[in-house]
PDB file of N, CA and C in Angstrom:
ATOM      1  N   MET A   1      93.586  86.372 106.706  1.00  0.00           N
ATOM      2  CA  MET A   1      93.907  87.402 106.629  1.00  0.00           C
ATOM      3  C   MET A   1      93.314  88.613 105.754  1.00  0.00           C
ATOM      4  N   ALA A   2      93.430  89.607 106.026  1.00  0.00           N
ATOM      5  CA  ALA A   2      92.767  90.612 105.439  1.00  0.00           C
ATOM      6  C   ALA A   2      93.536  91.113 104.458  1.00  0.00           C
ATOM      7  N   ARG A   3      92.835  91.656 103.058  1.00  0.00           N
ATOM      8  CA  ARG A   3      93.449  92.367 102.142  1.00  0.00           C
ATOM      9  C   ARG A   3      93.356  94.114 102.433  1.00  0.00           C
ATOM     10  N   LYS A   4      94.335  94.652 101.874  1.00  0.00           N
ATOM     11  CA  LYS A   4      94.191  96.003 102.448  1.00  0.00           C
ATOM     12  C   LYS A   4      94.593  96.981 101.188  1.00  0.00           C
ATOM     13  N   SER A   5      93.509  97.379 100.567  1.00  0.00           N
ATOM     14  CA  SER A   5      93.705  98.414  99.288  1.00  0.00           C
ATOM     15  C   SER A   5      94.231  99.676  99.886  1.00  0.00           C
ATOM     16  N   ILE A   6      95.766 100.215  99.106  1.00  0.00           N
ATOM     17  CA  ILE A   6      96.513 101.359  99.367  1.00  0.00           C
ATOM     18  C   ILE A   6      96.270 101.956  98.441  1.00  0.00           C
ATOM     19  N   GLU A   7      95.660 103.147  98.715  1.00  0.00           N
ATOM     20  CA  GLU A   7      95.543 104.732  97.691  1.00  0.00           C
ATOM     21  C   GLU A   7      96.011 105.734  97.957  1.00  0.00           C
ATOM     22  N   ILE A   8      96.674 106.547  96.975  1.00  0.00           N
ATOM     23  CA  ILE A   8      97.497 107.483  97.503  1.00  0.00           C
ATOM     24  C   ILE A   8      96.811 108.529  97.004  1.00  0.00           C
ATOM     25  N   GLU A   9      97.455 110.167  96.992  1.00  0.00           N
ATOM     26  CA  GLU A   9      97.406 111.285  96.844  1.00  0.00           C
ATOM     27  C   GLU A   9      97.818 111.516  95.469  1.00  0.00           C
ATOM     28  N   SER A  10      98.926 111.151  95.134  1.00  0.00           N
ATOM     29  CA  SER A  10      99.924 111.644  93.757  1.00  0.00           C
ATOM     30  C   SER A  10      99.456 110.848  92.744  1.00  0.00           C
ATOM     31  N   PHE A  11      98.454 109.851  92.569  1.00  0.00           N
ATOM     32  CA  PHE A  11      97.796 109.262  91.293  1.00  0.00           C
ATOM     33  C   PHE A  11      96.360 108.331  91.454  1.00  0.00           C
ATOM     34  N   GLN A  12      95.872 108.028  90.996  1.00  0.00           N
ATOM     35  CA  GLN A  12      94.733 107.108  90.896  1.00  0.00           C
ATOM     36  C   GLN A  12      94.461 106.497  89.854  1.00  0.00           C
ATOM     37  N   HIS A  13      94.638 105.173  89.588  1.00  0.00           N
ATOM     38  CA  HIS A  13      93.930 104.298  88.447  1.00  0.00           C
ATOM     39  C   HIS A  13      92.749 105.064  87.885  1.00  0.00           C
ATOM     40  N   ALA A  14      92.359 104.949  86.518  1.00  0.00           N
ATOM     41  CA  ALA A  14      91.084 104.676  85.669  1.00  0.00           C
ATOM     42  C   ALA A  14      90.089 103.665  86.085  1.00  0.00           C
ATOM     43  N   ASN A  15      90.893 102.393  86.262  1.00  0.00           N
ATOM     44  CA  ASN A  15      89.677 101.442  86.899  1.00  0.00           C
ATOM     45  C   ASN A  15      89.906 101.549  87.916  1.00  0.00           C
ATOM     46  N   PRO A  16      89.236 100.688  88.682  1.00  0.00           N
ATOM     47  CA  PRO A  16      88.905 100.102  89.889  1.00  0.00           C
ATOM     48  C   PRO A  16      90.360  99.459  90.372  1.00  0.00           C
ATOM     49  N   ILE A  17      91.144 100.095  90.350  1.00  0.00           N
ATOM     50  CA  ILE A  17      92.494  99.001  90.748  1.00  0.00           C
ATOM     51  C   ILE A  17      93.128  99.794  91.740  1.00  0.00           C
ATOM     52  N   PRO A  18      93.414  99.271  93.078  1.00  0.00           N
ATOM     53  CA  PRO A  18      94.360 100.173  93.958  1.00  0.00           C
ATOM     54  C   PRO A  18      95.609 100.688  93.654  1.00  0.00           C
ATOM     55  N   ALA A  19      96.200 101.230  94.004  1.00  0.00           N
ATOM     56  CA  ALA A  19      97.458 101.747  93.753  1.00  0.00           C
ATOM     57  C   ALA A  19      98.895 100.502  93.852  1.00  0.00           C
ATOM     58  N   ALA A  20      98.428 100.111  95.518  1.00  0.00           N
ATOM     59  CA  ALA A  20      99.357  98.763  95.930  1.00  0.00           C
ATOM     60  C   ALA A  20      97.937  97.863  96.756  1.00  0.00           C
ATOM     61  N   THR A  21      98.486  96.739  96.927  1.00  0.00           N
ATOM     62  CA  THR A  21      97.577  95.990  98.189  1.00  0.00           C
ATOM     63  C   THR A  21      98.608  95.357  99.077  1.00  0.00           C
ATOM     64  N   ARG A  22      97.954  95.544 100.564  1.00  0.00           N
ATOM     65  CA  ARG A  22      98.837  94.702 101.471  1.00  0.00           C
ATOM     66  C   ARG A  22      97.527  93.641 101.981  1.00  0.00           C
ATOM     67  N   ILE A  23      98.737  92.659 102.069  1.00  0.00           N
ATOM     68  CA  ILE A  23      98.130  91.169 102.799  1.00  0.00           C
ATOM     69  C   ILE A  23      99.027  90.613 103.708  1.00  0.00           C
ATOM     70  N   GLY A  24      98.689  91.055 104.979  1.00  0.00           N
ATOM     71  CA  GLY A  24      99.703  90.837 105.839  1.00  0.00           C
ATOM     72  C   GLY A  24     100.883  91.236 105.682  1.00  0.00           C
ATOM     73  N   PRO A  25     102.200  90.828 105.974  1.00  0.00           N
ATOM     74  CA  PRO A  25     103.447  91.693 105.314  1.00  0.00           C
ATOM     75  C   PRO A  25     104.005  91.649 104.328  1.00  0.00           C
ATOM     76  N   LEU A  26     102.767  91.224 102.842  1.00  0.00           N
ATOM     77  CA  LEU A  26     103.504  91.629 102.006  1.00  0.00           C
ATOM     78  C   LEU A  26     102.968  92.699 101.308  1.00  0.00           C
ATOM     79  N   VAL A  27     103.446  93.779 100.536  1.00  0.00           N
ATOM     80  CA  VAL A  27     102.652  94.760  99.842  1.00  0.00           C
ATOM     81  C   VAL A  27     103.127  94.367  98.806  1.00  0.00           C
ATOM     82  N   VAL A  28     102.272  94.751  97.111  1.00  0.00           N
ATOM     83  CA  VAL A  28     102.362  94.574  95.916  1.00  0.00           C
ATOM     84  C   VAL A  28     101.672  95.769  95.910  1.00  0.00           C
ATOM     85  N   SER A  29     102.509  96.386  94.582  1.00  0.00           N
ATOM     86  CA  SER A  29     102.114  97.748  93.476  1.00  0.00           C
ATOM     87  C   SER A  29     101.583  96.963  92.466  1.00  0.00           C
ATOM     88  N   SER A  30     100.340  97.902  91.850  1.00  0.00           N
ATOM     89  CA  SER A  30      99.695  97.747  90.673  1.00  0.00           C
ATOM     90  C   SER A  30     101.063  98.653  89.678  1.00  0.00           C
ATOM     91  N   ILE A  31     100.687  98.721  88.365  1.00  0.00           N
ATOM     92  CA  ILE A  31     101.816  99.410  87.794  1.00  0.00           C
ATOM     93  C   ILE A  31     101.517 100.901  88.001  1.00  0.00           C
ATOM     94  N   THR A  32     102.747 101.324  88.381  1.00  0.00           N
ATOM     95  CA  THR A  32     102.755 102.894  88.744  1.00  0.00           C
ATOM     96  C   THR A  32     103.592 103.469  87.760  1.00  0.00           C
ATOM     97  N   PRO A  33     102.631 105.042  87.480  1.00  0.00           N
ATOM     98  CA  PRO A  33     102.744 105.752  85.891  1.00  0.00           C
ATOM     99  C   PRO A  33     103.816 106.568  86.705  1.00  0.00           C
ATOM    100  N   PRO A  34     104.205 107.021  85.425  1.00  0.00           N
ATOM    101  CA  PRO A  34     105.246 108.322  86.003  1.00  0.00           C
ATOM    102  C   PRO A  34     104.664 109.820  85.961  1.00  0.00           C
ATOM    103  N   THR A  35     103.263 109.885  86.255  1.00  0.00           N
ATOM    104  CA  THR A  35     102.719 111.243  85.939  1.00  0.00           C
ATOM    105  C   THR A  35     103.184 112.193  87.125  1.00  0.00           C
ATOM    106  N   ASN A  36     102.806 113.192  86.730  1.00  0.00           N
ATOM    107  CA  ASN A  36     103.009 114.561  87.779  1.00  0.00           C
ATOM    108  C   ASN A  36     101.906 114.246  88.675  1.00  0.00           C
ATOM    109  N   PRO A  37     102.220 113.968  90.199  1.00  0.00           N
ATOM    110  CA  PRO A  37     101.386 114.247  91.393  1.00  0.00           C
ATOM    111  C   PRO A  37     100.085 115.047  91.141  1.00  0.00           C
ATOM    112  N   GLY A  38      99.276 114.227  91.042  1.00  0.00           N
ATOM    113  CA  GLY A  38      97.946 114.791  91.265  1.00  0.00           C
ATOM    114  C   GLY A  38      97.576 115.337  89.664  1.00  0.00           C
ATOM    115  N   SER A  39      97.850 114.815  88.903  1.00  0.00           N
ATOM    116  CA  SER A  39      97.204 114.829  87.582  1.00  0.00           C
ATOM    117  C   SER A  39      97.592 113.601  86.413  1.00  0.00           C
ATOM    118  N   ARG A  40      97.654 113.799  85.223  1.00  0.00           N
ATOM    119  CA  ARG A  40      97.421 112.758  84.763  1.00  0.00           C
ATOM    120  C   ARG A  40      98.695 112.982  83.383  1.00  0.00           C
ATOM    121  N   ASP A  41      99.419 114.387  83.247  1.00  0.00           N
ATOM    122  CA  ASP A  41     100.627 114.758  82.520  1.00  0.00           C
ATOM    123  C   ASP A  41     101.619 114.047  82.625  1.00  0.00           C
ATOM    124  N   VAL A  42     102.421 113.596  81.824  1.00  0.00           N
ATOM    125  CA  VAL A  42     103.554 113.189  81.666  1.00  0.00           C
ATOM    126  C   VAL A  42     104.825 114.089  81.729  1.00  0.00           C
ATOM    127  N   PRO A  43     105.792 114.290  82.393  1.00  0.00           N
ATOM    128  CA  PRO A  43     106.799 115.402  81.717  1.00  0.00           C
ATOM    129  C   PRO A  43     107.320 114.398  80.942  1.00  0.00           C
ATOM    130  N   ASP A  44     108.553 115.345  80.091  1.00  0.00           N
ATOM    131  CA  ASP A  44     108.966 114.987  79.230  1.00  0.00           C
ATOM    132  C   ASP A  44     110.416 114.714  79.627  1.00  0.00           C
ATOM    133  N   SER A  45     111.144 114.666  80.547  1.00  0.00           N
ATOM    134  CA  SER A  45     112.279 114.183  80.322  1.00  0.00           C
ATOM    135  C   SER A  45     112.319 112.655  81.568  1.00  0.00           C
ATOM    136  N   LEU A  46     113.082 111.925  81.099  1.00  0.00           N
ATOM    137  CA  LEU A  46     113.266 110.623  81.988  1.00  0.00           C
ATOM    138  C   LEU A  46     113.621 110.662  83.577  1.00  0.00           C
ATOM    139  N   GLU A  47     114.370 111.971  84.062  1.00  0.00           N
ATOM    140  CA  GLU A  47     114.652 111.839  85.291  1.00  0.00           C
ATOM    141  C   GLU A  47     113.274 112.434  86.295  1.00  0.00           C
ATOM    142  N   GLU A  48     112.622 113.101  85.271  1.00  0.00           N
ATOM    143  CA  GLU A  48     111.526 113.974  86.206  1.00  0.00           C
ATOM    144  C   GLU A  48     110.474 112.696  86.469  1.00  0.00           C
ATOM    145  N   GLN A  49     110.348 111.952  85.370  1.00  0.00           N
ATOM    146  CA  GLN A  49     109.694 110.639  85.254  1.00  0.00           C
ATOM    147  C   GLN A  49     110.229 109.727  86.519  1.00  0.00           C
ATOM    148  N   ILE A  50     111.534 109.422  86.503  1.00  0.00           N
ATOM    149  CA  ILE A  50     111.713 108.809  87.961  1.00  0.00           C
ATOM    150  C   ILE A  50     111.487 109.240  89.116  1.00  0.00           C
ATOM    151  N   ASP A  51     111.786 110.714  88.922  1.00  0.00           N
ATOM    152  CA  ASP A  51     111.440 111.488  90.168  1.00  0.00           C
ATOM    153  C   ASP A  51     109.713 110.821  90.921  1.00  0.00           C
ATOM    154  N   ASN A  52     108.848 111.395  89.739  1.00  0.00           N
ATOM    155  CA  ASN A  52     107.585 111.003  90.172  1.00  0.00           C
ATOM    156  C   ASN A  52     107.430 109.685  90.524  1.00  0.00           C
ATOM    157  N   LEU A  53     108.236 108.934  89.832  1.00  0.00           N
ATOM    158  CA  LEU A  53     107.741 107.053  90.344  1.00  0.00           C
ATOM    159  C   LEU A  53     108.087 106.916  91.685  1.00  0.00           C
ATOM    160  N   PHE A  54     109.274 107.630  92.029  1.00  0.00           N
ATOM    161  CA  PHE A  54     109.722 107.442  93.736  1.00  0.00           C
ATOM    162  C   PHE A  54     108.803 108.366  94.696  1.00  0.00           C
ATOM    163  N   THR A  55     107.803 109.147  93.921  1.00  0.00           N
ATOM    164  CA  THR A  55     107.278 110.181  95.060  1.00  0.00           C
ATOM    165  C   THR A  55     105.682 109.174  94.855  1.00  0.00           C
ATOM    166  N   HIS A  56     105.228 108.658  94.301  1.00  0.00           N
ATOM    167  CA  HIS A  56     104.573 107.813  94.051  1.00  0.00           C
ATOM    168  C   HIS A  56     104.555 106.532  94.677  1.00  0.00           C
ATOM    169  N   VAL A  57     105.844 105.943  94.531  1.00  0.00           N
ATOM    170  CA  VAL A  57     106.113 104.803  95.476  1.00  0.00           C
ATOM    171  C   VAL A  57     106.311 104.742  96.929  1.00  0.00           C
ATOM    172  N   GLY A  58     107.118 105.646  97.101  1.00  0.00           N
ATOM    173  CA  GLY A  58     107.486 106.521  98.610  1.00  0.00           C
ATOM    174  C   GLY A  58     106.044 106.895  99.412  1.00  0.00           C
ATOM    175  N   GLN A  59     104.632 107.282  98.458  1.00  0.00           N
ATOM    176  CA  GLN A  59     103.471 107.000  98.850  1.00  0.00           C
ATOM    177  C   GLN A  59     102.930 106.035  99.645  1.00  0.00           C
ATOM    178  N   MET A  60     102.897 105.106  98.281  1.00  0.00           N
ATOM    179  CA  MET A  60     102.322 103.924  98.618  1.00  0.00           C
ATOM    180  C   MET A  60     102.967 102.757  99.705  1.00  0.00           C
ATOM    181  N   LEU A  61     103.994 103.039  99.937  1.00  0.00           N
ATOM    182  CA  LEU A  61     104.812 102.410 101.115  1.00  0.00           C
ATOM    183  C   LEU A  61     104.197 102.826 102.321  1.00  0.00           C
ATOM    184  N   THR A  62     104.461 104.385 102.347  1.00  0.00           N
ATOM    185  CA  THR A  62     103.529 104.566 103.887  1.00  0.00           C
ATOM    186  C   THR A  62     102.428 104.915 103.760  1.00  0.00           C
ATOM    187  N   GLY A  63     101.534 104.827 102.933  1.00  0.00           N
ATOM    188  CA  GLY A  63      99.930 104.282 102.804  1.00  0.00           C
ATOM    189  C   GLY A  63     100.059 102.583 103.636  1.00  0.00           C
ATOM    190  N   ALA A  64     100.720 101.795 103.084  1.00  0.00           N
ATOM    191  CA  ALA A  64     100.990 100.531 103.729  1.00  0.00           C
ATOM    192  C   ALA A  64     101.320 100.654 104.875  1.00  0.00           C
ATOM    193  N   GLY A  65     101.953 101.889 105.426  1.00  0.00           N
ATOM    194  CA  GLY A  65     102.742 101.279 107.010  1.00  0.00           C
ATOM    195  C   GLY A  65     103.978 100.455 106.973  1.00  0.00           C
ATOM    196  N   ALA A  66     104.807 100.887 105.817  1.00  0.00           N
ATOM    197  CA  ALA A  66     105.852 100.439 105.542  1.00  0.00           C
ATOM    198  C   ALA A  66     106.916 101.731 105.144  1.00  0.00           C
ATOM    199  N   THR A  67     108.610 101.091 104.687  1.00  0.00           N
ATOM    200  CA  THR A  67     109.223 102.244 104.175  1.00  0.00           C
ATOM    201  C   THR A  67     110.303 101.534 103.085  1.00  0.00           C
ATOM    202  N   TRP A  68     111.163 102.579 102.856  1.00  0.00           N
ATOM    203  CA  TRP A  68     112.168 102.061 101.576  1.00  0.00           C
ATOM    204  C   TRP A  68     112.693 100.664 102.592  1.00  0.00           C
ATOM    205  N   ASP A  69     113.000 100.989 103.780  1.00  0.00           N
ATOM    206  CA  ASP A  69     114.017  99.768 104.444  1.00  0.00           C
ATOM    207  C   ASP A  69     113.332  98.230 104.132  1.00  0.00           C
ATOM    208  N   ASP A  70     111.796  98.035 103.769  1.00  0.00           N
ATOM    209  CA  ASP A  70     111.132  97.198 103.496  1.00  0.00           C
ATOM    210  C   ASP A  70     111.019  96.693 101.979  1.00  0.00           C
ATOM    211  N   MET A  71     111.235  97.450 101.162  1.00  0.00           N
ATOM    212  CA  MET A  71     111.362  96.978  99.740  1.00  0.00           C
ATOM    213  C   MET A  71     112.323  95.662  99.504  1.00  0.00           C
ATOM    214  N   ALA A  72     111.735  94.945  98.906  1.00  0.00           N
ATOM    215  CA  ALA A  72     112.261  93.693  98.429  1.00  0.00           C
ATOM    216  C   ALA A  72     112.453  93.485  96.982  1.00  0.00           C
ATOM    217  N   LYS A  73     112.025  94.453  96.021  1.00  0.00           N
ATOM    218  CA  LYS A  73     112.018  93.952  94.530  1.00  0.00           C
ATOM    219  C   LYS A  73     111.762  95.168  93.921  1.00  0.00           C
ATOM    220  N   MET A  74     111.965  96.068  93.044  1.00  0.00           N
ATOM    221  CA  MET A  74     111.239  96.911  92.320  1.00  0.00           C
ATOM    222  C   MET A  74     112.214  96.466  90.644  1.00  0.00           C
ATOM    223  N   THR A  75     110.361  96.734  89.644  1.00  0.00           N
ATOM    224  CA  THR A  75     110.984  96.191  88.291  1.00  0.00           C
ATOM    225  C   THR A  75     110.323  97.406  87.439  1.00  0.00           C
ATOM    226  N   PHE A  76     111.558  97.992  86.693  1.00  0.00           N
ATOM    227  CA  PHE A  76     111.192  99.239  85.832  1.00  0.00           C
ATOM    228  C   PHE A  76     110.978  98.597  84.210  1.00  0.00           C
ATOM    229  N   TYR A  77     110.070  99.147  84.025  1.00  0.00           N
ATOM    230  CA  TYR A  77     109.642  98.924  82.289  1.00  0.00           C
ATOM    231  C   TYR A  77     109.928 100.481  81.671  1.00  0.00           C
ATOM    232  N   VAL A  78     110.766 100.094  80.866  1.00  0.00           N
ATOM    233  CA  VAL A  78     111.457 101.017  79.937  1.00  0.00           C
ATOM    234  C   VAL A  78     111.585 101.039  78.838  1.00  0.00           C
ATOM    235  N   THR A  79     111.574 102.270  78.081  1.00  0.00           N
ATOM    236  CA  THR A  79     111.660 102.204  76.797  1.00  0.00           C
ATOM    237  C   THR A  79     113.428 102.542  76.111  1.00  0.00           C
ATOM    238  N   ASP A  80     113.780 102.397  76.581  1.00  0.00           N
ATOM    239  CA  ASP A  80     115.185 103.128  76.797  1.00  0.00           C
ATOM    240  C   ASP A  80     116.099 102.380  77.470  1.00  0.00           C
ATOM    241  N   PRO A  81     116.633 100.893  77.840  1.00  0.00           N
ATOM    242  CA  PRO A  81     117.620 100.236  79.227  1.00  0.00           C
ATOM    243  C   PRO A  81     118.600 100.841  79.330  1.00  0.00           C
ATOM    244  N   ALA A  82     119.295 101.402  77.601  1.00  0.00           N
ATOM    245  CA  ALA A  82     120.420 102.253  78.028  1.00  0.00           C
ATOM    246  C   ALA A  82     120.909 103.501  78.812  1.00  0.00           C
ATOM    247  N   ALA A  83     119.695 104.279  78.464  1.00  0.00           N
ATOM    248  CA  ALA A  83     119.732 105.477  78.967  1.00  0.00           C
ATOM    249  C   ALA A  83     118.536 105.449  80.562  1.00  0.00           C
ATOM    250  N   SER A  84     117.690 104.519  80.946  1.00  0.00           N
ATOM    251  CA  SER A  84     117.625 104.012  82.226  1.00  0.00           C
ATOM    252  C   SER A  84     118.712 104.185  83.264  1.00  0.00           C
ATOM    253  N   ARG A  85     119.238 102.846  83.100  1.00  0.00           N
ATOM    254  CA  ARG A  85     120.188 102.269  84.104  1.00  0.00           C
ATOM    255  C   ARG A  85     121.159 103.590  85.150  1.00  0.00           C
ATOM    256  N   PRO A  86     121.688 104.151  83.655  1.00  0.00           N
ATOM    257  CA  PRO A  86     122.140 105.129  85.020  1.00  0.00           C
ATOM    258  C   PRO A  86     121.181 106.399  85.492  1.00  0.00           C
ATOM    259  N   ALA A  87     120.108 106.633  85.333  1.00  0.00           N
ATOM    260  CA  ALA A  87     119.295 107.937  85.146  1.00  0.00           C
ATOM    261  C   ALA A  87     118.597 107.394  86.808  1.00  0.00           C
ATOM    262  N   LEU A  88     118.530 106.324  86.870  1.00  0.00           N
ATOM    263  CA  LEU A  88     117.942 104.990  87.867  1.00  0.00           C
ATOM    264  C   LEU A  88     118.807 105.342  89.014  1.00  0.00           C
ATOM    265  N   ASN A  89     120.654 105.101  88.761  1.00  0.00           N
ATOM    266  CA  ASN A  89     121.190 104.905  89.970  1.00  0.00           C
ATOM    267  C   ASN A  89     120.915 106.070  91.022  1.00  0.00           C
ATOM    268  N   GLY A  90     121.292 106.979  90.793  1.00  0.00           N
ATOM    269  CA  GLY A  90     121.629 108.456  91.403  1.00  0.00           C
ATOM    270  C   GLY A  90     120.207 107.790  92.447  1.00  0.00           C
ATOM    271  N   PRO A  91     118.748 108.641  92.157  1.00  0.00           N
ATOM    272  CA  PRO A  91     117.795 108.100  93.014  1.00  0.00           C
ATOM    273  C   PRO A  91     117.789 106.776  93.807  1.00  0.00           C
ATOM    274  N   TRP A  92     118.173 105.627  93.173  1.00  0.00           N
ATOM    275  CA  TRP A  92     118.595 104.302  93.761  1.00  0.00           C
ATOM    276  C   TRP A  92     119.075 104.312  95.126  1.00  0.00           C
ATOM    277  N   VAL A  93     120.591 104.567  94.648  1.00  0.00           N
ATOM    278  CA  VAL A  93     121.866 104.778  95.556  1.00  0.00           C
ATOM    279  C   VAL A  93     120.876 105.935  96.766  1.00  0.00           C
ATOM    280  N   GLU A  94     120.382 106.719  96.540  1.00  0.00           N
ATOM    281  CA  GLU A  94     119.924 107.813  97.512  1.00  0.00           C
ATOM    282  C   GLU A  94     118.749 107.143  98.921  1.00  0.00           C
ATOM    283  N   ARG A  95     118.044 106.432  98.373  1.00  0.00           N
ATOM    284  CA  ARG A  95     117.334 105.430  99.253  1.00  0.00           C
ATOM    285  C   ARG A  95     118.023 104.056  99.478  1.00  0.00           C
ATOM    286  N   PHE A  96     118.669 103.673  98.934  1.00  0.00           N
ATOM    287  CA  PHE A  96     119.515 102.470  99.275  1.00  0.00           C
ATOM    288  C   PHE A  96     120.791 102.578  99.343  1.00  0.00           C
ATOM    289  N   PRO A  97     121.383 103.633 100.577  1.00  0.00           N
ATOM    290  CA  PRO A  97     122.667 103.450 100.393  1.00  0.00           C
ATOM    291  C   PRO A  97     123.448 102.306 100.773  1.00  0.00           C
ATOM    292  N   ASP A  98     123.158 101.465 101.536  1.00  0.00           N
ATOM    293  CA  ASP A  98     124.123 100.781 101.923  1.00  0.00           C
ATOM    294  C   ASP A  98     123.889  99.722 100.956  1.00  0.00           C
ATOM    295  N   PRO A  99     125.036  99.160 100.302  1.00  0.00           N
ATOM    296  CA  PRO A  99     125.204  98.682  98.847  1.00  0.00           C
ATOM    297  C   PRO A  99     125.694  96.760  99.309  1.00  0.00           C
ATOM    298  N   ASP A 100     125.424  96.728 100.815  1.00  0.00           N
ATOM    299  CA  ASP A 100     124.863  95.318 101.547  1.00  0.00           C
ATOM    300  C   ASP A 100     123.298  95.117 101.805  1.00  0.00           C
ATOM    301  N   SER A 101     122.431  96.213 101.584  1.00  0.00           N
ATOM    302  CA  SER A 101     120.934  95.640 102.114  1.00  0.00           C
ATOM    303  C   SER A 101     120.773  96.762 100.638  1.00  0.00           C
ATOM    304  N   ARG A 102     120.729  96.271  99.569  1.00  0.00           N
ATOM    305  CA  ARG A 102     119.373  96.964  98.730  1.00  0.00           C
ATOM    306  C   ARG A 102     118.314  95.868  98.231  1.00  0.00           C
ATOM    307  N   PRO A 103     117.265  96.328  97.677  1.00  0.00           N
ATOM    308  CA  PRO A 103     116.389  95.159  97.019  1.00  0.00           C
ATOM    309  C   PRO A 103     117.043  94.834  95.448  1.00  0.00           C
ATOM    310  N   SER A 104     115.988  93.853  95.381  1.00  0.00           N
ATOM    311  CA  SER A 104     116.584  93.758  93.664  1.00  0.00           C
ATOM    312  C   SER A 104     115.890  94.793  92.608  1.00  0.00           C
ATOM    313  N   ARG A 105     116.693  94.628  91.817  1.00  0.00           N
ATOM    314  CA  ARG A 105     115.732  95.340  90.657  1.00  0.00           C
ATOM    315  C   ARG A 105     115.986  95.075  89.564  1.00  0.00           C
ATOM    316  N   TYR A 106     115.116  95.096  88.468  1.00  0.00           N
ATOM    317  CA  TYR A 106     115.238  94.488  87.189  1.00  0.00           C
ATOM    318  C   TYR A 106     114.708  95.772  85.885  1.00  0.00           C
ATOM    319  N   ASN A 107     115.475  96.084  85.378  1.00  0.00           N
ATOM    320  CA  ASN A 107     114.696  96.952  84.013  1.00  0.00           C
ATOM    321  C   ASN A 107     114.288  95.712  83.031  1.00  0.00           C
ATOM    322  N   MET A 108     113.177  96.019  82.529  1.00  0.00           N
ATOM    323  CA  MET A 108     112.940  95.242  81.334  1.00  0.00           C
ATOM    324  C   MET A 108     112.107  96.167  80.332  1.00  0.00           C
ATOM    325  N   LYS A 109     112.280  95.977  79.053  1.00  0.00           N
ATOM    326  CA  LYS A 109     112.321  97.017  77.868  1.00  0.00           C
ATOM    327  C   LYS A 109     110.868  96.633  77.531  1.00  0.00           C
ATOM    328  N   VAL A 110     110.299  97.911  77.220  1.00  0.00           N
ATOM    329  CA  VAL A 110     109.119  97.774  76.621  1.00  0.00           C
ATOM    330  C   VAL A 110     109.113  98.650  75.446  1.00  0.00           C
ATOM    331  N   GLU A 111     108.072  98.194  74.633  1.00  0.00           N
ATOM    332  CA  GLU A 111     107.616  99.387  73.078  1.00  0.00           C
ATOM    333  C   GLU A 111     106.943 100.578  74.077  1.00  0.00           C
ATOM    334  N   GLY A 112     107.396 101.478  73.513  1.00  0.00           N
ATOM    335  CA  GLY A 112     106.569 102.773  73.906  1.00  0.00           C
ATOM    336  C   GLY A 112     106.236 103.504  72.521  1.00  0.00           C
ATOM    337  N   SER A 113     104.983 104.241  72.645  1.00  0.00           N
ATOM    338  CA  SER A 113     104.456 104.985  71.485  1.00  0.00           C
ATOM    339  C   SER A 113     104.233 106.473  72.459  1.00  0.00           C
ATOM    340  N   GLY A 114     104.319 107.037  73.238  1.00  0.00           N
ATOM    341  CA  GLY A 114     104.049 107.795  74.008  1.00  0.00           C
ATOM    342  C   GLY A 114     104.822 108.683  74.170  1.00  0.00           C
ATOM    343  N   PRO A 115     104.363 109.197  75.504  1.00  0.00           N
ATOM    344  CA  PRO A 115     105.468 110.447  76.470  1.00  0.00           C
ATOM    345  C   PRO A 115     106.159 109.207  77.607  1.00  0.00           C
ATOM    346  N   VAL A 116     105.225 108.586  77.876  1.00  0.00           N
ATOM    347  CA  VAL A 116     105.785 107.306  78.974  1.00  0.00           C
ATOM    348  C   VAL A 116     107.101 106.861  78.894  1.00  0.00           C
ATOM    349  N   LYS A 117     108.236 106.992  79.351  1.00  0.00           N
ATOM    350  CA  LYS A 117     109.880 106.570  79.170  1.00  0.00           C
ATOM    351  C   LYS A 117     109.940 105.468  79.949  1.00  0.00           C
ATOM    352  N   ILE A 118     109.139 105.245  81.124  1.00  0.00           N
ATOM    353  CA  ILE A 118     109.652 104.688  82.482  1.00  0.00           C
ATOM    354  C   ILE A 118     108.111 104.585  82.889  1.00  0.00           C
ATOM    355  N   SER A 119     108.003 103.261  83.837  1.00  0.00           N
ATOM    356  CA  SER A 119     107.066 102.950  84.726  1.00  0.00           C
ATOM    357  C   SER A 119     107.771 101.760  85.601  1.00  0.00           C
ATOM    358  N   CYS A 120     106.848 101.371  86.472  1.00  0.00           N
ATOM    359  CA  CYS A 120     107.196 100.394  87.821  1.00  0.00           C
ATOM    360  C   CYS A 120     106.239  99.664  88.427  1.00  0.00           C
ATOM    361  N   ASP A 121     106.690  98.581  88.818  1.00  0.00           N
ATOM    362  CA  ASP A 121     105.710  97.945  90.329  1.00  0.00           C
ATOM    363  C   ASP A 121     106.951  97.483  91.323  1.00  0.00           C
ATOM    364  N   PHE A 122     106.528  96.948  92.350  1.00  0.00           N
ATOM    365  CA  PHE A 122     107.279  96.819  93.590  1.00  0.00           C
ATOM    366  C   PHE A 122     106.631  95.628  94.580  1.00  0.00           C
ATOM    367  N   MET A 123     107.360  95.009  94.750  1.00  0.00           N
ATOM    368  CA  MET A 123     107.093  94.106  96.067  1.00  0.00           C
ATOM    369  C   MET A 123     108.120  94.244  97.226  1.00  0.00           C
ATOM    370  N   ALA A 124     107.269  94.512  98.900  1.00  0.00           N
ATOM    371  CA  ALA A 124     108.169  95.068  99.982  1.00  0.00           C
ATOM    372  C   ALA A 124     106.954  93.631 101.025  1.00  0.00           C
ATOM    373  N   TYR A 125     108.347  93.793 101.514  1.00  0.00           N
ATOM    374  CA  TYR A 125     107.996  92.941 102.751  1.00  0.00           C
ATOM    375  C   TYR A 125     107.855  93.881 103.870  1.00  0.00           C
ATOM    376  N   VAL A 126     106.621  93.806 104.899  1.00  0.00           N
ATOM    377  CA  VAL A 126     106.840  94.484 106.018  1.00  0.00           C
ATOM    378  C   VAL A 126     106.670  93.728 107.663  1.00  0.00           C
ATOM    379  N   GLU A 127     107.743  93.769 108.303  1.00  0.00           N
ATOM    380  CA  GLU A 127     108.035  93.146 109.304  1.00  0.00           C
ATOM    381  C   GLU A 127     106.971  94.084 110.477  1.00  0.00           C
ATOM    382  N   ASP A 128     106.173  93.597 111.063  1.00  0.00           N
ATOM    383  CA  ASP A 128     105.422  94.550 112.181  1.00  0.00           C
ATOM    384  C   ASP A 128     106.043  94.086 113.845  1.00  0.00           C
TER     385      ASP A 128
END
């Protein structure tokens, strides 16, 4: 089964790491930063950082031939779980409105010393 690297316009890693990889029906992302699309700038607000994450993830899904319906799990790495949970809920329900068909989600607390308040990775499964 051939592996395909997924690169996107909105961000690129500094190291030789793709934004995501697809092998058969499985799509797995690398760590996704909350940077503004097309730059390495990180916005100040948590809400803007979340918007950027969903922009990047959406581009990765498209690049892999997937949609939000193919999402199996998202993990968010957060500096403040109490603030991030409610901030994520709006964009989450927007993309996954059916409560009987939502992917798994986990918020993992991480230490942060810079402007990054949240990052993520994901796993999707695409049935062709």
